[in-house]
Amino acid sequence: GSILPDANDYFAFADCMIWSHVLAVRLASEKATDVVWLCGSSYAKIAPTFSEFWALYLSDIDAALFAKGRPIVSR
């Protein structure tokens, strides 16, 4: 199984450092549009919406791209 719950609902929109980690946004219309960071068998929620992700990116790029300060779930 997938490490990310409801993984099929997500679309990877950015790869960082040639797929060492990726950023994905949930596109399922009936659920929140979370943006997540995925690396190996770990993930972290970066922002609850795509708009909030971009606001975070502009204010703290490390938090947006590298999950700095976010709880990381590992499986």
C-alpha atoms as a PDB file:
ATOM      1  CA  GLY A   1       0.000   0.000   0.000  1.00  0.00           C
ATOM      2  CA  SER A   2       0.876   3.644  -0.230  1.00  0.00           C
ATOM      3  CA  ILE A   3       2.463   5.609   2.590  1.00  0.00           C
ATOM      4  CA  LEU A   4       0.146   8.565   1.926  1.00  0.00           C
ATOM      5  CA  PRO A   5      -3.536   8.048   2.779  1.00  0.00           C
ATOM      6  CA  ASP A   6      -5.707   8.584  -0.329  1.00  0.00           C
ATOM      7  CA  ALA A   7      -2.574   8.791  -2.519  1.00  0.00           C
ATOM      8  CA  ASN A   8      -4.662   8.446  -5.690  1.00  0.00           C
ATOM      9  CA  ASP A   9      -6.255  11.841  -4.921  1.00  0.00           C
ATOM     10  CA  TYR A  10      -2.908  13.669  -5.297  1.00  0.00           C
ATOM     11  CA  PHE A  11      -1.085  15.170  -8.274  1.00  0.00           C
ATOM     12  CA  ALA A  12       2.689  15.680  -8.080  1.00  0.00           C
ATOM     13  CA  PHE A  13       3.373  19.217  -9.268  1.00  0.00           C
ATOM     14  CA  ALA A  14       7.040  19.606  -8.368  1.00  0.00           C
ATOM     15  CA  ASP A  15      10.059  17.403  -8.002  1.00  0.00           C
ATOM     16  CA  CYS A  16      12.989  18.666  -6.021  1.00  0.00           C
ATOM     17  CA  MET A  17      16.563  17.579  -6.432  1.00  0.00           C
ATOM     18  CA  ILE A  18      15.732  15.041  -9.175  1.00  0.00           C
ATOM     19  CA  TRP A  19      13.033  13.144  -7.269  1.00  0.00           C
ATOM     20  CA  SER A  20      14.676  13.020  -3.850  1.00  0.00           C
ATOM     21  CA  HIS A  21      11.364  14.474  -2.755  1.00  0.00           C
ATOM     22  CA  VAL A  22       8.193  15.705  -4.437  1.00  0.00           C
ATOM     23  CA  LEU A  23       5.363  18.096  -3.701  1.00  0.00           C
ATOM     24  CA  ALA A  24       1.801  17.056  -4.441  1.00  0.00           C
ATOM     25  CA  VAL A  25      -1.623  18.658  -4.174  1.00  0.00           C
ATOM     26  CA  ARG A  26      -4.862  16.803  -3.510  1.00  0.00           C
ATOM     27  CA  LEU A  27      -7.253  17.295  -6.420  1.00  0.00           C
ATOM     28  CA  ALA A  28     -10.286  15.325  -5.196  1.00  0.00           C
ATOM     29  CA  SER A  29     -13.060  17.929  -5.218  1.00  0.00           C
ATOM     30  CA  GLU A  30     -14.877  16.669  -2.124  1.00  0.00           C
ATOM     31  CA  LYS A  31     -11.774  16.828   0.104  1.00  0.00           C
ATOM     32  CA  ALA A  32      -9.364  19.539   1.275  1.00  0.00           C
ATOM     33  CA  THR A  33      -6.742  20.557  -1.284  1.00  0.00           C
ATOM     34  CA  ASP A  34      -3.804  19.715   1.000  1.00  0.00           C
ATOM     35  CA  VAL A  35      -0.282  20.179  -0.294  1.00  0.00           C
ATOM     36  CA  VAL A  36       2.123  17.490   0.898  1.00  0.00           C
ATOM     37  CA  TRP A  37       5.860  16.830   0.796  1.00  0.00           C
ATOM     38  CA  LEU A  38       6.886  13.226   0.051  1.00  0.00           C
ATOM     39  CA  CYS A  39      10.338  11.741   0.504  1.00  0.00           C
ATOM     40  CA  GLY A  40      10.950   7.988   0.405  1.00  0.00           C
ATOM     41  CA  SER A  41       8.572   6.448   2.923  1.00  0.00           C
ATOM     42  CA  SER A  42       7.826   9.750   4.686  1.00  0.00           C
ATOM     43  CA  TYR A  43       5.376  12.588   4.120  1.00  0.00           C
ATOM     44  CA  ALA A  44       4.357  15.877   5.722  1.00  0.00           C
ATOM     45  CA  LYS A  45       1.400  18.194   5.220  1.00  0.00           C
ATOM     46  CA  ILE A  46       2.811  21.525   4.046  1.00  0.00           C
ATOM     47  CA  ALA A  47      -0.382  23.566   3.691  1.00  0.00           C
ATOM     48  CA  PRO A  48      -4.157  23.024   3.776  1.00  0.00           C
ATOM     49  CA  THR A  49      -4.667  24.700   0.364  1.00  0.00           C
ATOM     50  CA  PHE A  50      -2.679  25.394  -2.786  1.00  0.00           C
ATOM     51  CA  SER A  51      -3.041  29.150  -2.185  1.00  0.00           C
ATOM     52  CA  GLU A  52      -1.657  28.833   1.337  1.00  0.00           C
ATOM     53  CA  PHE A  53       1.243  26.793  -0.020  1.00  0.00           C
ATOM     54  CA  TRP A  54       2.228  29.677  -2.319  1.00  0.00           C
ATOM     55  CA  ALA A  55       1.925  32.209   0.507  1.00  0.00           C
ATOM     56  CA  LEU A  56       4.214  29.985   2.601  1.00  0.00           C
ATOM     57  CA  TYR A  57       6.610  29.599  -0.341  1.00  0.00           C
ATOM     58  CA  LEU A  58       6.934  33.391  -0.590  1.00  0.00           C
ATOM     59  CA  SER A  59       7.462  33.841   3.153  1.00  0.00           C
ATOM     60  CA  ASP A  60       9.577  30.752   4.033  1.00  0.00           C
ATOM     61  CA  ILE A  61      10.851  28.735   1.076  1.00  0.00           C
ATOM     62  CA  ASP A  62      12.487  26.068   3.292  1.00  0.00           C
ATOM     63  CA  ALA A  63       9.183  25.363   5.042  1.00  0.00           C
ATOM     64  CA  ALA A  64       7.422  25.088   1.673  1.00  0.00           C
ATOM     65  CA  LEU A  65       9.979  22.931  -0.144  1.00  0.00           C
ATOM     66  CA  PHE A  66      11.626  20.911   2.625  1.00  0.00           C
ATOM     67  CA  ALA A  67       8.885  20.520   5.286  1.00  0.00           C
ATOM     68  CA  LYS A  68      10.892  22.594   7.776  1.00  0.00           C
ATOM     69  CA  GLY A  69       8.967  22.768  11.045  1.00  0.00           C
ATOM     70  CA  ARG A  70       6.295  20.315   9.909  1.00  0.00           C
ATOM     71  CA  PRO A  71       5.549  16.972  11.571  1.00  0.00           C
ATOM     72  CA  ILE A  72       6.855  14.187   9.307  1.00  0.00           C
ATOM     73  CA  VAL A  73       5.016  10.853   9.184  1.00  0.00           C
ATOM     74  CA  SER A  74       7.225   7.868   8.393  1.00  0.00           C
ATOM     75  CA  ARG A  75       6.090   4.350   7.608  1.00  0.00           C
END
